[in-house]
Amino acid sequence: MYQEREILNIALLHGVNMNMLGKRDPEHYGTLSLAELENQVVKEARRLGLVCISFQTNHEGDLVEKIHELRLRALGMIINPGAWTHYSYAIRDALEMVKGPVIEVHLSDIDARTEEWRHHSVIRDVCDQTISGKGPDGYMEALQSLAQRLNPTG
């Protein structure tokens, strides 16, 4: 729980190919670039009294190391691992060690995608919530959820 005006750190983690947002299949991923999406999230986090730390990588080990680094520092995490969602047990195991709430977010509805392999998330069981198929609004919902979890009386 935090006191009024106390700064909280929220980690916003993006995985493989997320740097291609705005250039890749807008039907599934929308037209916002990663920078535009992150700017929206940071602005909303600030409105909620949160400080958001953003990180994106196309290297699985780098994402694991960032989760290790932030697992005790960040009070909550929002993660969209991209395709690693479906098979990275290394990321899953790293998330399992996170002390605060973790919310899995996907721009597209992974459960409704035509590719069967996209329906399975290996991280879902170690996350406190999954938000899928709401585009950028899913990130705003995740922030609201984290703010409420971190300050249930506020």
N, C-alpha and C. Protein backbone atom coordinates (compact mmCIF):
# COMPACT_ATOMS: atom_id res chain seq x y z
N MET A 1 0.84 -1.18 0.00
CA MET A 1 0.00 0.00 0.00
C MET A 1 0.89 1.24 0.00
N TYR A 2 0.42 2.32 -0.55
CA TYR A 2 1.23 3.52 -0.59
C TYR A 2 0.47 4.70 -0.02
N GLN A 3 1.23 5.65 0.46
CA GLN A 3 0.66 6.88 0.97
C GLN A 3 0.39 7.83 -0.19
N GLU A 4 -0.50 8.78 0.02
CA GLU A 4 -0.77 9.77 -1.01
C GLU A 4 0.52 10.46 -1.42
N ARG A 5 0.72 10.66 -2.69
CA ARG A 5 1.87 11.31 -3.30
C ARG A 5 3.13 10.44 -3.32
N GLU A 6 3.07 9.22 -2.79
CA GLU A 6 4.23 8.35 -2.89
C GLU A 6 4.35 7.84 -4.32
N ILE A 7 5.57 7.76 -4.81
CA ILE A 7 5.81 7.33 -6.18
C ILE A 7 5.90 5.81 -6.23
N LEU A 8 5.22 5.23 -7.18
CA LEU A 8 5.25 3.79 -7.39
C LEU A 8 5.93 3.51 -8.72
N ASN A 9 6.59 2.39 -8.81
CA ASN A 9 7.20 1.98 -10.08
C ASN A 9 6.41 0.84 -10.68
N ILE A 10 6.00 1.06 -11.91
CA ILE A 10 5.33 0.03 -12.69
C ILE A 10 6.24 -0.29 -13.86
N ALA A 11 6.55 -1.55 -14.04
CA ALA A 11 7.37 -1.97 -15.18
C ALA A 11 6.45 -2.33 -16.33
N LEU A 12 6.71 -1.74 -17.48
CA LEU A 12 5.99 -2.03 -18.71
C LEU A 12 6.97 -2.75 -19.63
N LEU A 13 6.78 -4.06 -19.78
CA LEU A 13 7.74 -4.89 -20.49
C LEU A 13 7.14 -5.41 -21.79
N HIS A 14 7.89 -5.24 -22.87
CA HIS A 14 7.47 -5.70 -24.19
C HIS A 14 8.53 -6.62 -24.76
N GLY A 15 8.09 -7.69 -25.37
CA GLY A 15 8.99 -8.68 -25.94
C GLY A 15 9.16 -8.56 -27.44
N VAL A 16 9.47 -9.69 -27.99
CA VAL A 16 9.89 -9.82 -29.38
C VAL A 16 8.87 -9.23 -30.37
N ASN A 17 9.39 -8.50 -31.33
CA ASN A 17 8.64 -7.88 -32.43
C ASN A 17 7.73 -6.73 -32.01
N MET A 18 7.65 -6.43 -30.73
CA MET A 18 6.79 -5.33 -30.31
C MET A 18 7.31 -3.99 -30.80
N ASN A 19 8.59 -3.91 -31.11
CA ASN A 19 9.16 -2.69 -31.68
C ASN A 19 8.64 -2.43 -33.11
N MET A 20 7.95 -3.40 -33.68
CA MET A 20 7.41 -3.27 -35.03
C MET A 20 5.94 -2.84 -35.04
N LEU A 21 5.40 -2.50 -33.87
CA LEU A 21 4.02 -2.01 -33.83
C LEU A 21 3.88 -0.81 -34.76
N GLY A 22 2.75 -0.73 -35.42
CA GLY A 22 2.51 0.34 -36.38
C GLY A 22 2.99 -0.01 -37.78
N LYS A 23 3.82 -1.03 -37.88
CA LYS A 23 4.34 -1.48 -39.18
C LYS A 23 3.88 -2.90 -39.48
N ARG A 24 3.38 -3.58 -38.49
CA ARG A 24 3.07 -5.00 -38.60
C ARG A 24 1.57 -5.23 -38.47
N ASP A 25 0.96 -5.87 -39.42
CA ASP A 25 -0.42 -6.35 -39.39
C ASP A 25 -1.36 -5.50 -38.52
N PRO A 26 -1.76 -4.32 -39.03
CA PRO A 26 -2.60 -3.44 -38.23
C PRO A 26 -3.95 -4.05 -37.84
N GLU A 27 -4.42 -5.05 -38.58
CA GLU A 27 -5.69 -5.70 -38.23
C GLU A 27 -5.60 -6.34 -36.84
N HIS A 28 -4.46 -6.90 -36.51
CA HIS A 28 -4.29 -7.55 -35.21
C HIS A 28 -3.66 -6.63 -34.17
N TYR A 29 -2.75 -5.77 -34.61
CA TYR A 29 -1.94 -5.01 -33.65
C TYR A 29 -2.18 -3.52 -33.64
N GLY A 30 -3.04 -3.03 -34.52
CA GLY A 30 -3.35 -1.61 -34.56
C GLY A 30 -2.31 -0.80 -35.30
N THR A 31 -2.46 0.51 -35.25
CA THR A 31 -1.59 1.40 -36.03
C THR A 31 -0.64 2.21 -35.16
N LEU A 32 -0.77 2.13 -33.85
CA LEU A 32 0.14 2.86 -32.97
C LEU A 32 1.53 2.24 -33.01
N SER A 33 2.54 3.09 -32.97
CA SER A 33 3.90 2.59 -32.81
C SER A 33 4.12 2.24 -31.34
N LEU A 34 5.18 1.52 -31.05
CA LEU A 34 5.50 1.19 -29.66
C LEU A 34 5.73 2.47 -28.87
N ALA A 35 6.43 3.43 -29.44
CA ALA A 35 6.68 4.70 -28.74
C ALA A 35 5.37 5.42 -28.41
N GLU A 36 4.43 5.42 -29.36
CA GLU A 36 3.14 6.06 -29.10
C GLU A 36 2.36 5.33 -28.01
N LEU A 37 2.38 4.00 -28.05
CA LEU A 37 1.71 3.21 -27.02
C LEU A 37 2.34 3.47 -25.65
N GLU A 38 3.67 3.43 -25.60
CA GLU A 38 4.35 3.67 -24.32
C GLU A 38 4.06 5.07 -23.80
N ASN A 39 4.01 6.07 -24.68
CA ASN A 39 3.68 7.43 -24.25
C ASN A 39 2.30 7.50 -23.62
N GLN A 40 1.33 6.79 -24.22
CA GLN A 40 -0.02 6.76 -23.65
C GLN A 40 -0.01 6.12 -22.26
N VAL A 41 0.71 5.01 -22.14
CA VAL A 41 0.76 4.30 -20.86
C VAL A 41 1.45 5.16 -19.80
N VAL A 42 2.57 5.76 -20.14
CA VAL A 42 3.30 6.61 -19.19
C VAL A 42 2.44 7.79 -18.74
N LYS A 43 1.73 8.39 -19.68
CA LYS A 43 0.86 9.53 -19.35
C LYS A 43 -0.26 9.10 -18.40
N GLU A 44 -0.89 7.96 -18.69
CA GLU A 44 -1.96 7.46 -17.83
C GLU A 44 -1.41 7.05 -16.47
N ALA A 45 -0.24 6.43 -16.45
CA ALA A 45 0.39 6.04 -15.18
C ALA A 45 0.62 7.29 -14.33
N ARG A 46 1.14 8.33 -14.93
CA ARG A 46 1.41 9.57 -14.21
C ARG A 46 0.11 10.13 -13.64
N ARG A 47 -0.97 10.07 -14.43
CA ARG A 47 -2.27 10.55 -13.95
C ARG A 47 -2.72 9.77 -12.72
N LEU A 48 -2.35 8.50 -12.67
CA LEU A 48 -2.72 7.64 -11.54
C LEU A 48 -1.72 7.72 -10.37
N GLY A 49 -0.70 8.57 -10.52
CA GLY A 49 0.30 8.71 -9.48
C GLY A 49 1.38 7.65 -9.52
N LEU A 50 1.53 7.01 -10.67
CA LEU A 50 2.51 5.93 -10.83
C LEU A 50 3.64 6.39 -11.74
N VAL A 51 4.81 5.84 -11.52
CA VAL A 51 5.95 6.06 -12.41
C VAL A 51 6.15 4.77 -13.18
N CYS A 52 6.18 4.87 -14.49
CA CYS A 52 6.25 3.70 -15.36
C CYS A 52 7.64 3.57 -15.98
N ILE A 53 8.25 2.43 -15.81
CA ILE A 53 9.54 2.10 -16.42
C ILE A 53 9.24 1.20 -17.62
N SER A 54 9.70 1.59 -18.82
CA SER A 54 9.41 0.82 -20.03
C SER A 54 10.67 0.12 -20.54
N PHE A 55 10.46 -1.06 -21.11
CA PHE A 55 11.57 -1.83 -21.67
C PHE A 55 11.03 -2.74 -22.76
N GLN A 56 11.74 -2.79 -23.89
CA GLN A 56 11.41 -3.70 -24.99
C GLN A 56 12.70 -4.33 -25.48
N THR A 57 12.61 -5.62 -25.83
CA THR A 57 13.76 -6.30 -26.40
C THR A 57 13.31 -7.40 -27.34
N ASN A 58 14.17 -7.73 -28.28
CA ASN A 58 13.95 -8.87 -29.15
C ASN A 58 14.83 -10.05 -28.74
N HIS A 59 15.43 -9.96 -27.56
CA HIS A 59 16.33 -10.99 -27.06
C HIS A 59 15.77 -11.56 -25.76
N GLU A 60 15.37 -12.80 -25.80
CA GLU A 60 14.69 -13.44 -24.68
C GLU A 60 15.47 -13.32 -23.37
N GLY A 61 16.76 -13.59 -23.41
CA GLY A 61 17.57 -13.50 -22.19
C GLY A 61 17.59 -12.11 -21.60
N ASP A 62 17.55 -11.08 -22.46
CA ASP A 62 17.51 -9.70 -21.96
C ASP A 62 16.22 -9.43 -21.21
N LEU A 63 15.10 -9.98 -21.71
CA LEU A 63 13.83 -9.80 -21.01
C LEU A 63 13.86 -10.52 -19.67
N VAL A 64 14.40 -11.73 -19.64
CA VAL A 64 14.51 -12.47 -18.38
C VAL A 64 15.36 -11.68 -17.38
N GLU A 65 16.48 -11.15 -17.83
CA GLU A 65 17.34 -10.39 -16.93
C GLU A 65 16.65 -9.11 -16.44
N LYS A 66 15.87 -8.46 -17.29
CA LYS A 66 15.14 -7.26 -16.87
C LYS A 66 14.08 -7.63 -15.82
N ILE A 67 13.41 -8.75 -16.01
CA ILE A 67 12.44 -9.20 -14.99
C ILE A 67 13.17 -9.47 -13.68
N HIS A 68 14.32 -10.13 -13.74
CA HIS A 68 15.11 -10.39 -12.52
C HIS A 68 15.47 -9.07 -11.84
N GLU A 69 15.93 -8.10 -12.63
CA GLU A 69 16.34 -6.81 -12.08
C GLU A 69 15.17 -6.09 -11.40
N LEU A 70 13.99 -6.14 -12.01
CA LEU A 70 12.84 -5.38 -11.53
C LEU A 70 11.92 -6.15 -10.59
N ARG A 71 12.16 -7.43 -10.38
CA ARG A 71 11.23 -8.27 -9.63
C ARG A 71 10.97 -7.79 -8.21
N LEU A 72 11.93 -7.11 -7.62
CA LEU A 72 11.74 -6.55 -6.28
C LEU A 72 11.59 -5.03 -6.29
N ARG A 73 12.09 -4.38 -7.34
CA ARG A 73 12.03 -2.91 -7.43
C ARG A 73 10.67 -2.42 -7.87
N ALA A 74 10.10 -3.06 -8.86
CA ALA A 74 8.80 -2.62 -9.38
C ALA A 74 7.69 -3.19 -8.51
N LEU A 75 6.75 -2.36 -8.18
CA LEU A 75 5.64 -2.83 -7.35
C LEU A 75 4.60 -3.58 -8.16
N GLY A 76 4.63 -3.43 -9.47
CA GLY A 76 3.74 -4.16 -10.36
C GLY A 76 4.31 -4.19 -11.77
N MET A 77 3.87 -5.15 -12.57
CA MET A 77 4.35 -5.28 -13.94
C MET A 77 3.20 -5.49 -14.90
N ILE A 78 3.37 -4.91 -16.08
CA ILE A 78 2.52 -5.19 -17.22
C ILE A 78 3.45 -5.78 -18.26
N ILE A 79 3.10 -6.95 -18.79
CA ILE A 79 3.98 -7.60 -19.75
C ILE A 79 3.22 -8.09 -20.97
N ASN A 80 3.79 -7.80 -22.13
CA ASN A 80 3.35 -8.38 -23.39
C ASN A 80 4.60 -8.99 -24.02
N PRO A 81 4.84 -10.28 -23.81
CA PRO A 81 6.06 -10.89 -24.33
C PRO A 81 6.05 -11.15 -25.84
N GLY A 82 4.98 -10.80 -26.52
CA GLY A 82 4.88 -11.13 -27.94
C GLY A 82 4.80 -12.64 -28.10
N ALA A 83 5.42 -13.17 -29.13
CA ALA A 83 5.35 -14.62 -29.41
C ALA A 83 5.92 -15.47 -28.28
N TRP A 84 6.78 -14.91 -27.45
CA TRP A 84 7.32 -15.69 -26.32
C TRP A 84 6.21 -16.13 -25.36
N THR A 85 5.09 -15.44 -25.42
CA THR A 85 3.93 -15.81 -24.60
C THR A 85 3.62 -17.30 -24.72
N HIS A 86 3.82 -17.82 -25.91
CA HIS A 86 3.33 -19.15 -26.25
C HIS A 86 4.33 -20.27 -25.97
N TYR A 87 5.60 -19.93 -25.66
CA TYR A 87 6.55 -21.03 -25.47
C TYR A 87 7.73 -20.73 -24.55
N SER A 88 7.85 -19.52 -24.01
CA SER A 88 9.04 -19.22 -23.20
C SER A 88 8.83 -19.55 -21.73
N TYR A 89 9.27 -20.73 -21.37
CA TYR A 89 9.23 -21.12 -19.96
C TYR A 89 10.28 -20.37 -19.16
N ALA A 90 11.32 -19.85 -19.82
CA ALA A 90 12.31 -19.02 -19.13
C ALA A 90 11.66 -17.73 -18.63
N ILE A 91 10.85 -17.08 -19.47
CA ILE A 91 10.13 -15.88 -19.05
C ILE A 91 9.10 -16.23 -17.99
N ARG A 92 8.41 -17.34 -18.17
CA ARG A 92 7.44 -17.78 -17.17
C ARG A 92 8.08 -17.96 -15.81
N ASP A 93 9.24 -18.64 -15.78
CA ASP A 93 9.92 -18.89 -14.51
C ASP A 93 10.41 -17.59 -13.88
N ALA A 94 10.87 -16.65 -14.69
CA ALA A 94 11.29 -15.35 -14.16
C ALA A 94 10.09 -14.60 -13.56
N LEU A 95 8.96 -14.61 -14.25
CA LEU A 95 7.76 -13.94 -13.74
C LEU A 95 7.27 -14.56 -12.43
N GLU A 96 7.48 -15.85 -12.29
CA GLU A 96 7.05 -16.53 -11.07
C GLU A 96 7.74 -15.97 -9.83
N MET A 97 8.92 -15.36 -10.01
CA MET A 97 9.68 -14.79 -8.88
C MET A 97 9.31 -13.35 -8.56
N VAL A 98 8.47 -12.73 -9.37
CA VAL A 98 8.09 -11.33 -9.16
C VAL A 98 7.23 -11.24 -7.91
N LYS A 99 7.54 -10.27 -7.05
CA LYS A 99 6.83 -10.12 -5.79
C LYS A 99 5.49 -9.40 -5.92
N GLY A 100 5.39 -8.45 -6.82
CA GLY A 100 4.15 -7.69 -6.98
C GLY A 100 3.25 -8.29 -8.03
N PRO A 101 2.08 -7.69 -8.25
CA PRO A 101 1.15 -8.18 -9.26
C PRO A 101 1.70 -8.04 -10.68
N VAL A 102 1.39 -9.02 -11.51
CA VAL A 102 1.81 -9.03 -12.91
C VAL A 102 0.56 -9.18 -13.77
N ILE A 103 0.43 -8.33 -14.76
CA ILE A 103 -0.71 -8.39 -15.67
C ILE A 103 -0.19 -8.65 -17.08
N GLU A 104 -0.68 -9.72 -17.68
CA GLU A 104 -0.36 -10.09 -19.06
C GLU A 104 -1.32 -9.34 -19.98
N VAL A 105 -0.78 -8.64 -20.97
CA VAL A 105 -1.61 -7.87 -21.90
C VAL A 105 -1.25 -8.25 -23.33
N HIS A 106 -2.27 -8.38 -24.16
CA HIS A 106 -2.09 -8.62 -25.60
C HIS A 106 -3.02 -7.70 -26.36
N LEU A 107 -2.50 -7.05 -27.38
CA LEU A 107 -3.32 -6.16 -28.21
C LEU A 107 -4.42 -6.93 -28.92
N SER A 108 -4.08 -8.09 -29.47
CA SER A 108 -5.07 -8.91 -30.17
C SER A 108 -5.63 -9.95 -29.20
N ASP A 109 -6.74 -10.52 -29.58
CA ASP A 109 -7.37 -11.57 -28.77
C ASP A 109 -6.70 -12.90 -29.12
N ILE A 110 -5.70 -13.28 -28.33
CA ILE A 110 -4.91 -14.47 -28.68
C ILE A 110 -5.76 -15.74 -28.67
N ASP A 111 -6.81 -15.77 -27.89
CA ASP A 111 -7.67 -16.95 -27.84
C ASP A 111 -8.56 -17.10 -29.07
N ALA A 112 -8.71 -16.03 -29.82
CA ALA A 112 -9.58 -16.06 -31.01
C ALA A 112 -8.80 -16.03 -32.32
N ARG A 113 -7.47 -15.98 -32.23
CA ARG A 113 -6.66 -15.93 -33.45
C ARG A 113 -6.79 -17.24 -34.23
N THR A 114 -6.58 -17.19 -35.53
CA THR A 114 -6.74 -18.38 -36.36
C THR A 114 -5.63 -19.39 -36.16
N GLU A 115 -4.46 -18.92 -35.74
CA GLU A 115 -3.35 -19.85 -35.51
C GLU A 115 -3.54 -20.52 -34.15
N GLU A 116 -3.72 -21.81 -34.14
CA GLU A 116 -3.99 -22.56 -32.92
C GLU A 116 -2.91 -22.35 -31.86
N TRP A 117 -1.65 -22.27 -32.28
CA TRP A 117 -0.55 -22.15 -31.32
C TRP A 117 -0.62 -20.86 -30.52
N ARG A 118 -1.31 -19.85 -31.03
CA ARG A 118 -1.42 -18.57 -30.31
C ARG A 118 -2.41 -18.64 -29.15
N HIS A 119 -3.21 -19.67 -29.07
CA HIS A 119 -4.24 -19.78 -28.04
C HIS A 119 -3.68 -20.11 -26.67
N HIS A 120 -2.46 -20.59 -26.61
CA HIS A 120 -1.88 -21.03 -25.35
C HIS A 120 -0.87 -20.01 -24.83
N SER A 121 -1.01 -19.63 -23.58
CA SER A 121 -0.06 -18.75 -22.92
C SER A 121 0.62 -19.52 -21.80
N VAL A 122 1.94 -19.64 -21.87
CA VAL A 122 2.68 -20.35 -20.81
C VAL A 122 2.90 -19.45 -19.59
N ILE A 123 2.58 -18.16 -19.71
CA ILE A 123 2.78 -17.26 -18.57
C ILE A 123 1.48 -16.98 -17.81
N ARG A 124 0.35 -17.32 -18.39
CA ARG A 124 -0.94 -16.97 -17.81
C ARG A 124 -1.09 -17.42 -16.36
N ASP A 125 -0.60 -18.61 -16.04
CA ASP A 125 -0.81 -19.13 -14.69
C ASP A 125 0.06 -18.45 -13.63
N VAL A 126 1.07 -17.67 -14.03
CA VAL A 126 1.88 -16.95 -13.05
C VAL A 126 1.55 -15.45 -13.05
N CYS A 127 0.56 -15.06 -13.83
CA CYS A 127 0.10 -13.67 -13.87
C CYS A 127 -1.18 -13.54 -13.04
N ASP A 128 -1.39 -12.37 -12.50
CA ASP A 128 -2.57 -12.12 -11.68
C ASP A 128 -3.80 -11.84 -12.53
N GLN A 129 -3.57 -11.45 -13.79
CA GLN A 129 -4.69 -11.11 -14.68
C GLN A 129 -4.18 -11.17 -16.11
N THR A 130 -5.06 -11.51 -17.03
CA THR A 130 -4.76 -11.46 -18.46
C THR A 130 -5.80 -10.58 -19.13
N ILE A 131 -5.32 -9.64 -19.95
CA ILE A 131 -6.19 -8.77 -20.73
C ILE A 131 -5.79 -8.95 -22.19
N SER A 132 -6.74 -9.33 -23.01
CA SER A 132 -6.43 -9.70 -24.39
C SER A 132 -7.51 -9.18 -25.32
N GLY A 133 -7.07 -8.64 -26.46
CA GLY A 133 -8.01 -8.26 -27.50
C GLY A 133 -8.63 -6.90 -27.36
N LYS A 134 -8.10 -6.04 -26.51
CA LYS A 134 -8.67 -4.71 -26.31
C LYS A 134 -7.80 -3.60 -26.88
N GLY A 135 -6.79 -3.99 -27.65
CA GLY A 135 -5.90 -2.99 -28.23
C GLY A 135 -5.21 -2.19 -27.14
N PRO A 136 -4.88 -0.92 -27.42
CA PRO A 136 -4.21 -0.08 -26.43
C PRO A 136 -5.03 0.10 -25.15
N ASP A 137 -6.36 0.01 -25.26
CA ASP A 137 -7.20 0.14 -24.07
C ASP A 137 -6.90 -0.94 -23.04
N GLY A 138 -6.40 -2.08 -23.49
CA GLY A 138 -6.03 -3.14 -22.56
C GLY A 138 -4.92 -2.72 -21.62
N TYR A 139 -4.00 -1.89 -22.12
CA TYR A 139 -2.92 -1.38 -21.27
C TYR A 139 -3.47 -0.41 -20.23
N MET A 140 -4.44 0.41 -20.63
CA MET A 140 -5.05 1.35 -19.69
C MET A 140 -5.81 0.58 -18.60
N GLU A 141 -6.50 -0.48 -19.02
CA GLU A 141 -7.20 -1.33 -18.05
C GLU A 141 -6.20 -1.98 -17.08
N ALA A 142 -5.07 -2.41 -17.60
CA ALA A 142 -4.03 -3.01 -16.75
C ALA A 142 -3.51 -2.00 -15.74
N LEU A 143 -3.28 -0.77 -16.17
CA LEU A 143 -2.83 0.27 -15.23
C LEU A 143 -3.86 0.52 -14.14
N GLN A 144 -5.13 0.62 -14.54
CA GLN A 144 -6.19 0.83 -13.56
C GLN A 144 -6.21 -0.31 -12.55
N SER A 145 -6.08 -1.52 -13.04
CA SER A 145 -6.07 -2.70 -12.18
C SER A 145 -4.88 -2.67 -11.21
N LEU A 146 -3.71 -2.33 -11.72
CA LEU A 146 -2.54 -2.26 -10.85
C LEU A 146 -2.70 -1.17 -9.80
N ALA A 147 -3.19 -0.01 -10.21
CA ALA A 147 -3.40 1.10 -9.26
C ALA A 147 -4.35 0.65 -8.15
N GLN A 148 -5.40 -0.06 -8.53
CA GLN A 148 -6.37 -0.53 -7.54
C GLN A 148 -5.75 -1.59 -6.63
N ARG A 149 -4.98 -2.50 -7.18
CA ARG A 149 -4.33 -3.55 -6.39
C ARG A 149 -3.32 -2.95 -5.41
N LEU A 150 -2.62 -1.90 -5.86
CA LEU A 150 -1.57 -1.30 -5.02
C LEU A 150 -2.13 -0.33 -4.01
N ASN A 151 -3.33 0.16 -4.24
CA ASN A 151 -3.97 1.09 -3.32
C ASN A 151 -5.45 0.76 -3.21
N PRO A 152 -5.78 -0.38 -2.60
CA PRO A 152 -7.17 -0.84 -2.61
C PRO A 152 -8.15 0.09 -1.90
N THR A 153 -7.67 0.98 -1.05
CA THR A 153 -8.58 1.89 -0.35
C THR A 153 -8.72 3.21 -1.06
N GLY A 154 -7.90 3.44 -2.11
CA GLY A 154 -7.90 4.74 -2.79
C GLY A 154 -8.82 4.72 -3.90
